[in-house]
N, C-alpha and C. Protein backbone atom coordinates (compact mmCIF):
# COMPACT_ATOMS: atom_id res chain seq x y z
N UNK A 1 73.71 124.89 24.14
CA UNK A 1 73.75 123.46 24.34
C UNK A 1 72.84 123.03 25.50
N UNK A 2 72.90 123.80 26.60
CA UNK A 2 72.07 123.47 27.75
C UNK A 2 70.59 123.62 27.40
N UNK A 3 70.26 124.60 26.54
CA UNK A 3 68.87 124.78 26.11
C UNK A 3 68.35 123.53 25.40
N UNK A 4 69.20 122.94 24.58
CA UNK A 4 68.81 121.74 23.85
C UNK A 4 68.60 120.56 24.79
N UNK A 5 69.46 120.44 25.80
CA UNK A 5 69.33 119.36 26.78
C UNK A 5 68.03 119.53 27.57
N UNK A 6 67.72 120.76 27.96
CA UNK A 6 66.47 121.02 28.70
C UNK A 6 65.26 120.71 27.83
N UNK A 7 65.33 121.10 26.55
CA UNK A 7 64.21 120.82 25.64
C UNK A 7 64.06 119.31 25.42
N UNK A 8 65.18 118.60 25.27
CA UNK A 8 65.13 117.15 25.12
C UNK A 8 64.55 116.51 26.37
N UNK A 9 64.90 117.04 27.54
CA UNK A 9 64.36 116.51 28.79
C UNK A 9 62.85 116.76 28.89
N UNK A 10 62.39 117.90 28.40
CA UNK A 10 60.95 118.16 28.44
C UNK A 10 60.20 117.24 27.48
N UNK A 11 60.76 116.97 26.31
CA UNK A 11 60.15 116.02 25.38
C UNK A 11 60.19 114.61 25.97
N UNK A 12 61.27 114.28 26.67
CA UNK A 12 61.41 113.00 27.35
C UNK A 12 60.29 112.83 28.37
N UNK A 13 60.09 113.83 29.21
CA UNK A 13 59.06 113.75 30.25
C UNK A 13 57.66 113.72 29.65
N UNK A 14 57.43 114.50 28.60
CA UNK A 14 56.12 114.47 27.94
C UNK A 14 55.84 113.09 27.37
N UNK A 15 56.85 112.49 26.78
CA UNK A 15 56.71 111.15 26.21
C UNK A 15 56.41 110.13 27.31
N UNK A 16 57.12 110.21 28.41
CA UNK A 16 56.92 109.27 29.53
C UNK A 16 55.52 109.42 30.09
N UNK A 17 55.15 110.64 30.44
CA UNK A 17 53.88 110.85 31.14
C UNK A 17 52.66 110.61 30.26
N UNK A 18 52.78 110.81 28.96
CA UNK A 18 51.64 110.53 28.09
C UNK A 18 51.60 109.07 27.64
N UNK A 19 52.58 108.28 28.05
CA UNK A 19 52.61 106.87 27.67
C UNK A 19 52.45 105.93 28.85
N UNK A 20 51.95 106.41 29.96
CA UNK A 20 51.75 105.53 31.10
C UNK A 20 50.68 104.48 30.82
N UNK A 21 49.67 104.86 30.04
CA UNK A 21 48.67 103.85 29.66
C UNK A 21 49.30 102.79 28.75
N UNK A 22 50.22 103.20 27.90
CA UNK A 22 50.95 102.24 27.07
C UNK A 22 51.80 101.32 27.92
N UNK A 23 52.40 101.86 28.97
CA UNK A 23 53.23 101.04 29.84
C UNK A 23 52.39 99.97 30.54
N UNK A 24 51.22 100.36 31.01
CA UNK A 24 50.34 99.37 31.65
C UNK A 24 49.92 98.29 30.65
N UNK A 25 49.58 98.71 29.43
CA UNK A 25 49.21 97.74 28.40
C UNK A 25 50.41 96.87 28.01
N UNK A 26 51.60 97.48 27.97
CA UNK A 26 52.81 96.72 27.65
C UNK A 26 53.06 95.63 28.69
N UNK A 27 52.92 95.99 29.96
CA UNK A 27 53.12 94.99 31.01
C UNK A 27 52.12 93.85 30.90
N UNK A 28 50.86 94.20 30.63
CA UNK A 28 49.83 93.16 30.50
C UNK A 28 50.09 92.28 29.28
N UNK A 29 50.45 92.90 28.17
CA UNK A 29 50.70 92.13 26.95
C UNK A 29 51.94 91.25 27.07
N UNK A 30 52.94 91.70 27.81
CA UNK A 30 54.13 90.89 27.97
C UNK A 30 53.80 89.60 28.73
N UNK A 31 52.89 89.71 29.67
CA UNK A 31 52.50 88.52 30.42
C UNK A 31 51.65 87.57 29.59
N UNK A 32 50.86 88.14 28.67
CA UNK A 32 49.93 87.33 27.88
C UNK A 32 50.58 86.79 26.61
N UNK A 33 51.24 87.68 25.85
CA UNK A 33 51.73 87.26 24.53
C UNK A 33 53.25 87.17 24.44
N UNK A 34 53.94 87.44 25.51
CA UNK A 34 55.39 87.33 25.48
C UNK A 34 56.06 88.67 25.27
N UNK A 35 57.27 88.81 25.80
CA UNK A 35 57.94 90.10 25.74
C UNK A 35 58.37 90.54 24.35
N UNK A 36 58.78 89.62 23.50
CA UNK A 36 59.29 90.03 22.19
C UNK A 36 58.20 90.69 21.34
N UNK A 37 57.05 90.08 21.25
CA UNK A 37 55.96 90.62 20.44
C UNK A 37 55.44 91.94 21.03
N UNK A 38 55.30 92.00 22.34
CA UNK A 38 54.77 93.20 22.98
C UNK A 38 55.73 94.38 22.83
N UNK A 39 57.00 94.16 23.09
CA UNK A 39 57.97 95.25 23.01
C UNK A 39 58.18 95.68 21.56
N UNK A 40 58.21 94.74 20.63
CA UNK A 40 58.34 95.09 19.22
C UNK A 40 57.17 95.95 18.76
N UNK A 41 55.96 95.56 19.12
CA UNK A 41 54.77 96.36 18.77
C UNK A 41 54.81 97.73 19.40
N UNK A 42 55.23 97.79 20.66
CA UNK A 42 55.33 99.07 21.36
C UNK A 42 56.34 99.99 20.69
N UNK A 43 57.54 99.47 20.41
CA UNK A 43 58.58 100.31 19.81
C UNK A 43 58.23 100.74 18.39
N UNK A 44 57.62 99.86 17.61
CA UNK A 44 57.18 100.25 16.26
C UNK A 44 56.13 101.35 16.35
N UNK A 45 55.21 101.24 17.28
CA UNK A 45 54.18 102.28 17.44
C UNK A 45 54.81 103.60 17.84
N UNK A 46 55.81 103.56 18.72
CA UNK A 46 56.44 104.81 19.15
C UNK A 46 57.23 105.44 18.01
N UNK A 47 57.87 104.63 17.19
CA UNK A 47 58.58 105.16 16.02
C UNK A 47 57.59 105.85 15.09
N UNK A 48 56.44 105.24 14.87
CA UNK A 48 55.44 105.83 13.98
C UNK A 48 54.90 107.13 14.56
N UNK A 49 54.59 107.15 15.85
CA UNK A 49 54.03 108.35 16.48
C UNK A 49 55.03 109.50 16.48
N UNK A 50 56.28 109.22 16.85
CA UNK A 50 57.31 110.27 16.87
C UNK A 50 57.59 110.76 15.45
N UNK A 51 57.66 109.86 14.49
CA UNK A 51 57.89 110.25 13.09
C UNK A 51 56.73 111.08 12.55
N UNK A 52 55.51 110.66 12.86
CA UNK A 52 54.33 111.43 12.41
C UNK A 52 54.31 112.81 13.03
N UNK A 53 54.68 112.91 14.30
CA UNK A 53 54.72 114.22 14.96
C UNK A 53 55.77 115.11 14.30
N UNK A 54 56.92 114.54 13.97
CA UNK A 54 57.97 115.31 13.30
C UNK A 54 57.53 115.72 11.89
N UNK A 55 56.91 114.80 11.16
CA UNK A 55 56.44 115.15 9.81
C UNK A 55 55.38 116.23 9.85
N UNK A 56 54.47 116.16 10.81
CA UNK A 56 53.47 117.22 10.94
C UNK A 56 54.14 118.54 11.28
N UNK A 57 55.14 118.49 12.16
CA UNK A 57 55.86 119.71 12.52
C UNK A 57 56.54 120.33 11.31
N UNK A 58 57.16 119.50 10.49
CA UNK A 58 57.82 120.01 9.29
C UNK A 58 56.81 120.53 8.27
N UNK A 59 55.68 119.84 8.15
CA UNK A 59 54.64 120.26 7.21
C UNK A 59 53.99 121.56 7.62
N UNK A 60 53.72 121.72 8.90
CA UNK A 60 53.10 122.96 9.38
C UNK A 60 54.05 124.13 9.17
N UNK A 61 55.33 123.90 9.40
CA UNK A 61 56.32 124.96 9.23
C UNK A 61 56.37 125.42 7.78
N UNK A 62 56.22 124.49 6.83
CA UNK A 62 56.26 124.86 5.41
C UNK A 62 54.95 125.47 4.93
N UNK A 63 53.82 124.96 5.40
CA UNK A 63 52.52 125.40 4.90
C UNK A 63 52.06 126.69 5.58
N UNK A 64 52.16 126.76 6.88
CA UNK A 64 51.64 127.90 7.64
C UNK A 64 52.73 128.43 8.57
N UNK A 65 53.72 129.15 8.02
CA UNK A 65 54.78 129.65 8.89
C UNK A 65 54.23 130.66 9.90
N UNK A 66 54.83 130.70 11.07
CA UNK A 66 54.50 131.62 12.16
C UNK A 66 53.14 131.34 12.80
N UNK A 67 52.48 130.25 12.45
CA UNK A 67 51.22 129.90 13.10
C UNK A 67 51.33 128.60 13.89
N UNK A 68 52.50 128.03 13.91
CA UNK A 68 52.67 126.74 14.58
C UNK A 68 52.38 126.83 16.08
N UNK A 69 52.63 127.97 16.68
CA UNK A 69 52.39 128.13 18.10
C UNK A 69 50.94 127.95 18.49
N UNK A 70 50.04 128.20 17.56
CA UNK A 70 48.62 128.05 17.86
C UNK A 70 48.19 126.58 17.96
N UNK A 71 49.06 125.67 17.55
CA UNK A 71 48.76 124.25 17.72
C UNK A 71 48.72 123.85 19.19
N UNK A 72 49.24 124.70 20.05
CA UNK A 72 49.18 124.44 21.48
C UNK A 72 47.76 124.38 22.02
N UNK A 73 46.81 124.88 21.25
CA UNK A 73 45.40 124.83 21.66
C UNK A 73 44.95 123.37 21.78
N UNK A 74 45.45 122.48 20.95
CA UNK A 74 45.01 121.08 20.96
C UNK A 74 45.40 120.36 22.25
N UNK A 75 46.68 120.33 22.65
CA UNK A 75 46.96 119.65 23.92
C UNK A 75 46.34 120.36 25.12
N UNK A 76 46.24 121.69 25.06
CA UNK A 76 45.60 122.42 26.15
C UNK A 76 44.14 122.01 26.30
N UNK A 77 43.42 121.95 25.19
CA UNK A 77 42.01 121.55 25.23
C UNK A 77 41.84 120.11 25.68
N UNK A 78 42.65 119.21 25.12
CA UNK A 78 42.57 117.80 25.53
C UNK A 78 42.90 117.64 27.01
N UNK A 79 43.87 118.39 27.49
CA UNK A 79 44.22 118.33 28.91
C UNK A 79 43.09 118.84 29.79
N UNK A 80 42.44 119.94 29.38
CA UNK A 80 41.31 120.45 30.16
C UNK A 80 40.15 119.46 30.18
N UNK A 81 39.88 118.82 29.04
CA UNK A 81 38.83 117.79 29.00
C UNK A 81 39.20 116.62 29.91
N UNK A 82 40.49 116.26 29.94
CA UNK A 82 40.94 115.17 30.80
C UNK A 82 40.76 115.50 32.28
N UNK A 83 41.04 116.75 32.65
CA UNK A 83 40.86 117.17 34.04
C UNK A 83 39.37 117.13 34.41
N UNK A 84 38.53 117.62 33.51
CA UNK A 84 37.09 117.61 33.77
C UNK A 84 36.60 116.17 33.92
N UNK A 85 37.06 115.26 33.06
CA UNK A 85 36.66 113.85 33.16
C UNK A 85 37.12 113.22 34.47
N UNK A 86 38.32 113.61 34.92
CA UNK A 86 38.81 113.08 36.19
C UNK A 86 37.92 113.53 37.35
N UNK A 87 37.54 114.80 37.35
CA UNK A 87 36.71 115.31 38.45
C UNK A 87 35.30 114.76 38.40
N UNK A 88 34.80 114.49 37.21
CA UNK A 88 33.47 113.90 37.08
C UNK A 88 33.49 112.40 37.32
N UNK A 89 34.65 111.82 37.22
CA UNK A 89 34.76 110.37 37.41
C UNK A 89 34.31 109.58 36.21
N UNK A 90 34.39 110.19 35.00
CA UNK A 90 33.94 109.50 33.79
C UNK A 90 35.10 108.96 32.97
N UNK A 91 36.30 108.88 33.57
CA UNK A 91 37.44 108.35 32.84
C UNK A 91 37.29 106.87 32.59
N UNK A 92 37.95 106.40 31.57
CA UNK A 92 37.88 104.98 31.23
C UNK A 92 38.74 104.19 32.20
N UNK A 93 38.15 103.29 32.93
CA UNK A 93 38.87 102.46 33.89
C UNK A 93 39.13 101.06 33.34
N UNK A 94 38.62 100.77 32.16
CA UNK A 94 38.81 99.44 31.61
C UNK A 94 40.13 99.37 30.87
N UNK A 95 40.78 98.26 31.00
CA UNK A 95 42.02 98.03 30.29
C UNK A 95 41.72 97.45 28.92
N UNK A 96 42.52 97.79 27.89
CA UNK A 96 42.28 97.22 26.59
C UNK A 96 42.50 95.71 26.60
N UNK A 97 41.67 95.00 25.86
CA UNK A 97 41.77 93.54 25.81
C UNK A 97 42.33 93.14 24.46
N UNK A 98 43.30 92.26 24.50
CA UNK A 98 43.90 91.77 23.26
C UNK A 98 44.20 90.29 23.44
N UNK A 99 44.00 89.56 22.41
CA UNK A 99 44.18 88.11 22.46
C UNK A 99 45.65 87.75 22.60
N UNK A 100 45.91 86.61 23.21
CA UNK A 100 47.30 86.18 23.36
C UNK A 100 47.91 85.76 22.03
N UNK A 101 47.09 85.52 21.03
CA UNK A 101 47.62 85.13 19.73
C UNK A 101 47.68 86.31 18.75
N UNK A 102 47.57 87.53 19.26
CA UNK A 102 47.58 88.71 18.39
C UNK A 102 48.96 88.89 17.77
N UNK A 103 48.97 89.34 16.54
CA UNK A 103 50.23 89.54 15.83
C UNK A 103 50.90 90.83 16.31
N UNK A 104 52.13 91.01 15.88
CA UNK A 104 52.86 92.23 16.20
C UNK A 104 52.15 93.44 15.60
N UNK A 105 51.55 93.28 14.42
CA UNK A 105 50.83 94.38 13.79
C UNK A 105 49.63 94.81 14.64
N UNK A 106 48.88 93.86 15.16
CA UNK A 106 47.73 94.18 16.01
C UNK A 106 48.21 94.85 17.29
N UNK A 107 49.28 94.35 17.86
CA UNK A 107 49.86 94.95 19.06
C UNK A 107 50.31 96.38 18.77
N UNK A 108 50.95 96.59 17.65
CA UNK A 108 51.39 97.93 17.27
C UNK A 108 50.20 98.86 17.10
N UNK A 109 49.13 98.39 16.48
CA UNK A 109 47.94 99.23 16.29
C UNK A 109 47.31 99.60 17.64
N UNK A 110 47.32 98.68 18.58
CA UNK A 110 46.81 98.98 19.92
C UNK A 110 47.63 100.11 20.54
N UNK A 111 48.95 100.02 20.44
CA UNK A 111 49.79 101.04 21.04
C UNK A 111 49.66 102.38 20.30
N UNK A 112 49.45 102.36 19.00
CA UNK A 112 49.22 103.61 18.28
C UNK A 112 47.93 104.25 18.75
N UNK A 113 46.90 103.46 18.94
CA UNK A 113 45.63 104.03 19.41
C UNK A 113 45.76 104.61 20.82
N UNK A 114 46.62 104.04 21.62
CA UNK A 114 46.85 104.57 22.97
C UNK A 114 47.80 105.77 22.98
N UNK A 115 48.41 106.07 21.85
CA UNK A 115 49.42 107.13 21.78
C UNK A 115 48.92 108.43 21.17
N UNK A 116 47.63 108.58 21.02
CA UNK A 116 47.12 109.82 20.43
C UNK A 116 47.40 111.03 21.32
N UNK A 117 47.41 110.84 22.63
CA UNK A 117 47.74 111.95 23.52
C UNK A 117 49.21 112.34 23.37
N UNK A 118 50.07 111.36 23.15
CA UNK A 118 51.49 111.65 22.91
C UNK A 118 51.64 112.45 21.63
N UNK A 119 50.95 112.04 20.60
CA UNK A 119 51.00 112.77 19.33
C UNK A 119 50.48 114.19 19.50
N UNK A 120 49.40 114.36 20.27
CA UNK A 120 48.79 115.67 20.48
C UNK A 120 49.72 116.61 21.24
N UNK A 121 50.65 116.07 22.01
CA UNK A 121 51.62 116.91 22.72
C UNK A 121 52.89 117.10 21.88
N UNK A 122 53.41 116.04 21.30
CA UNK A 122 54.69 116.12 20.58
C UNK A 122 54.60 116.93 19.29
N UNK A 123 53.55 116.74 18.52
CA UNK A 123 53.46 117.42 17.22
C UNK A 123 53.50 118.95 17.38
N UNK A 124 52.65 119.54 18.23
CA UNK A 124 52.75 120.99 18.40
C UNK A 124 54.06 121.44 19.04
N UNK A 125 54.58 120.64 19.96
CA UNK A 125 55.84 120.98 20.61
C UNK A 125 56.96 121.06 19.58
N UNK A 126 57.01 120.10 18.68
CA UNK A 126 58.05 120.10 17.64
C UNK A 126 57.77 121.15 16.57
N UNK A 127 56.49 121.38 16.24
CA UNK A 127 56.15 122.34 15.20
C UNK A 127 56.52 123.76 15.60
N UNK A 128 56.42 124.05 16.87
CA UNK A 128 56.67 125.41 17.35
C UNK A 128 58.13 125.63 17.72
N UNK A 129 59.00 124.70 17.37
CA UNK A 129 60.40 124.79 17.76
C UNK A 129 61.30 124.96 16.55
N UNK A 130 62.46 125.54 16.81
CA UNK A 130 63.47 125.69 15.77
C UNK A 130 64.00 124.30 15.39
N UNK A 131 64.55 124.15 14.18
CA UNK A 131 65.01 122.83 13.73
C UNK A 131 65.97 122.11 14.68
N UNK A 132 66.91 122.82 15.27
CA UNK A 132 67.85 122.14 16.17
C UNK A 132 67.14 121.66 17.43
N UNK A 133 66.13 122.39 17.88
CA UNK A 133 65.36 121.95 19.03
C UNK A 133 64.46 120.76 18.67
N UNK A 134 64.02 120.70 17.42
CA UNK A 134 63.23 119.54 16.98
C UNK A 134 64.06 118.27 17.10
N UNK A 135 65.29 118.35 16.67
CA UNK A 135 66.18 117.18 16.75
C UNK A 135 66.34 116.76 18.21
N UNK A 136 66.56 117.74 19.08
CA UNK A 136 66.71 117.43 20.51
C UNK A 136 65.42 116.81 21.06
N UNK A 137 64.26 117.32 20.63
CA UNK A 137 62.98 116.78 21.09
C UNK A 137 62.77 115.35 20.62
N UNK A 138 63.12 115.07 19.38
CA UNK A 138 62.98 113.71 18.86
C UNK A 138 63.92 112.76 19.60
N UNK A 139 65.12 113.21 19.87
CA UNK A 139 66.07 112.37 20.62
C UNK A 139 65.52 112.10 22.02
N UNK A 140 65.02 113.13 22.69
CA UNK A 140 64.46 112.95 24.03
C UNK A 140 63.27 112.01 24.04
N UNK A 141 62.35 112.19 23.08
CA UNK A 141 61.18 111.32 23.00
C UNK A 141 61.58 109.88 22.67
N UNK A 142 62.56 109.71 21.80
CA UNK A 142 63.01 108.36 21.44
C UNK A 142 63.67 107.66 22.62
N UNK A 143 64.48 108.40 23.36
CA UNK A 143 65.10 107.81 24.56
C UNK A 143 64.04 107.43 25.59
N UNK A 144 62.99 108.22 25.68
CA UNK A 144 61.90 107.90 26.61
C UNK A 144 61.19 106.62 26.18
N UNK A 145 60.97 106.46 24.87
CA UNK A 145 60.32 105.24 24.38
C UNK A 145 61.17 104.02 24.68
N UNK A 146 62.47 104.14 24.48
CA UNK A 146 63.38 103.02 24.81
C UNK A 146 63.38 102.75 26.31
N UNK A 147 63.36 103.81 27.09
CA UNK A 147 63.31 103.65 28.54
C UNK A 147 62.03 102.96 29.00
N UNK A 148 60.91 103.33 28.39
CA UNK A 148 59.64 102.68 28.73
C UNK A 148 59.65 101.21 28.36
N UNK A 149 60.24 100.87 27.21
CA UNK A 149 60.33 99.46 26.82
C UNK A 149 61.20 98.70 27.82
N UNK A 150 62.29 99.30 28.25
CA UNK A 150 63.15 98.66 29.24
C UNK A 150 62.43 98.53 30.57
N UNK A 151 61.70 99.57 30.98
CA UNK A 151 60.92 99.51 32.21
C UNK A 151 59.83 98.44 32.11
N UNK A 152 59.29 98.28 30.92
CA UNK A 152 58.30 97.21 30.70
C UNK A 152 58.91 95.83 30.92
N UNK A 153 60.14 95.64 30.40
CA UNK A 153 60.83 94.36 30.63
C UNK A 153 61.04 94.12 32.12
N UNK A 154 61.50 95.15 32.82
CA UNK A 154 61.72 95.01 34.27
C UNK A 154 60.41 94.78 35.01
N UNK A 155 59.38 95.51 34.61
CA UNK A 155 58.09 95.39 35.27
C UNK A 155 57.44 94.04 35.06
N UNK A 156 57.69 93.41 33.92
CA UNK A 156 57.13 92.09 33.67
C UNK A 156 57.82 91.03 34.54
N UNK A 157 59.06 91.30 34.89
CA UNK A 157 59.80 90.34 35.71
C UNK A 157 59.56 90.55 37.21
N UNK A 158 59.32 91.80 37.59
CA UNK A 158 59.05 92.11 38.99
C UNK A 158 57.78 92.95 39.07
N UNK A 159 56.98 92.76 40.08
CA UNK A 159 55.72 93.50 40.16
C UNK A 159 55.89 94.93 40.67
N UNK A 160 56.79 95.70 40.04
CA UNK A 160 57.01 97.09 40.46
C UNK A 160 55.88 97.98 39.97
N UNK A 161 55.56 97.87 38.69
CA UNK A 161 54.52 98.72 38.09
C UNK A 161 53.19 97.99 38.14
N UNK A 162 52.55 98.05 39.25
CA UNK A 162 51.24 97.43 39.36
C UNK A 162 50.21 98.37 38.77
N UNK A 163 49.01 97.87 38.56
CA UNK A 163 47.95 98.68 37.97
C UNK A 163 47.62 99.91 38.79
N UNK A 164 47.69 99.81 40.12
CA UNK A 164 47.37 100.94 40.98
C UNK A 164 48.35 102.08 40.83
N UNK A 165 49.64 101.79 40.79
CA UNK A 165 50.65 102.82 40.63
C UNK A 165 50.53 103.48 39.26
N UNK A 166 50.36 102.68 38.23
CA UNK A 166 50.23 103.23 36.88
C UNK A 166 49.00 104.12 36.77
N UNK A 167 47.89 103.73 37.40
CA UNK A 167 46.68 104.56 37.35
C UNK A 167 46.87 105.88 38.09
N UNK A 168 47.58 105.84 39.21
CA UNK A 168 47.83 107.09 39.95
C UNK A 168 48.72 108.02 39.13
N UNK A 169 49.74 107.47 38.49
CA UNK A 169 50.62 108.31 37.67
C UNK A 169 49.90 108.82 36.43
N UNK A 170 48.98 108.02 35.90
CA UNK A 170 48.26 108.42 34.70
C UNK A 170 47.36 109.63 34.94
N UNK A 171 47.01 109.89 36.17
CA UNK A 171 46.20 111.06 36.49
C UNK A 171 46.96 112.36 36.24
N UNK A 172 48.27 112.27 36.09
CA UNK A 172 49.08 113.45 35.79
C UNK A 172 49.01 113.86 34.32
N UNK A 173 48.59 112.96 33.45
CA UNK A 173 48.64 113.19 32.00
C UNK A 173 47.88 114.46 31.58
N UNK A 174 46.63 114.69 32.04
CA UNK A 174 45.96 115.93 31.61
C UNK A 174 46.72 117.19 32.00
N UNK A 175 47.36 117.18 33.15
CA UNK A 175 48.11 118.35 33.60
C UNK A 175 49.36 118.57 32.75
N UNK A 176 49.98 117.47 32.34
CA UNK A 176 51.13 117.58 31.44
C UNK A 176 50.69 118.17 30.11
N UNK A 177 49.53 117.74 29.61
CA UNK A 177 49.02 118.27 28.34
C UNK A 177 48.69 119.75 28.47
N UNK A 178 48.13 120.16 29.59
CA UNK A 178 47.82 121.57 29.81
C UNK A 178 49.11 122.39 29.83
N UNK A 179 50.11 121.93 30.55
CA UNK A 179 51.39 122.64 30.62
C UNK A 179 52.06 122.71 29.24
N UNK A 180 52.00 121.61 28.50
CA UNK A 180 52.59 121.61 27.15
C UNK A 180 51.84 122.58 26.25
N UNK A 181 50.52 122.61 26.34
CA UNK A 181 49.74 123.55 25.52
C UNK A 181 50.07 124.99 25.84
N UNK A 182 50.18 125.31 27.12
CA UNK A 182 50.53 126.69 27.52
C UNK A 182 51.93 127.03 27.04
N UNK A 183 52.86 126.09 27.17
CA UNK A 183 54.22 126.33 26.72
C UNK A 183 54.27 126.57 25.21
N UNK A 184 53.52 125.79 24.46
CA UNK A 184 53.53 125.94 23.00
C UNK A 184 52.90 127.27 22.60
N UNK A 185 51.85 127.67 23.30
CA UNK A 185 51.19 128.95 23.00
C UNK A 185 52.05 130.15 23.37
N UNK A 186 52.93 129.99 24.35
CA UNK A 186 53.78 131.11 24.75
C UNK A 186 54.95 131.24 23.78
N UNK A 187 55.50 132.41 23.73
CA UNK A 187 56.70 132.62 22.92
C UNK A 187 57.90 132.29 23.78
N UNK A 188 58.65 131.28 23.39
CA UNK A 188 59.81 130.87 24.17
C UNK A 188 61.04 130.87 23.28
N UNK A 189 62.20 130.66 23.89
CA UNK A 189 63.45 130.67 23.16
C UNK A 189 63.59 129.50 22.19
N UNK A 190 62.75 128.48 22.31
CA UNK A 190 62.86 127.33 21.41
C UNK A 190 62.02 127.49 20.15
N UNK A 191 61.23 128.55 20.08
CA UNK A 191 60.32 128.73 18.94
C UNK A 191 61.08 128.94 17.64
N UNK A 192 60.46 128.49 16.56
CA UNK A 192 61.03 128.73 15.23
C UNK A 192 60.91 130.21 14.91
N UNK A 193 61.87 130.71 14.21
CA UNK A 193 61.89 132.15 13.88
C UNK A 193 60.99 132.42 12.70
């Protein structure tokens, strides 16, 4: 039981740390287009990303059994590229621009495009795990998405999550991806048999 809680907590943290750019965009969109449209688009995008990661995990397990652990190469590589970009100073500093009259669908598509790093971490993490750990991972990631939406509501009302703090925290994302990639590549107790 404790193993499942720890795995859910790791999926929770991966979801949080890979969605800091989404949180910054959520705060900006809430100020521009209103909280209901922004949060609805954010939550729909997170449902799609988490569901797609789970479907990929289930598909990989059926198509290529015992090779799911090698999917850890993707977040590891993306994390290494992110670290190199940080040191070179070539990271994207521009915030996404969206019109105040954008629909929930457009808002959702923006959040999906910002969630590719989340997908790159969650899909291999879930694919390399036993079914009961997958459930725990999905629960942890879903709770993180709800927590981010709630934090977005709070942040829109109070200037807690300013752009500077979110940018500093976002610098952790490549390191989280590297750690997730190494974890997925290693043989751990959560791996599928």
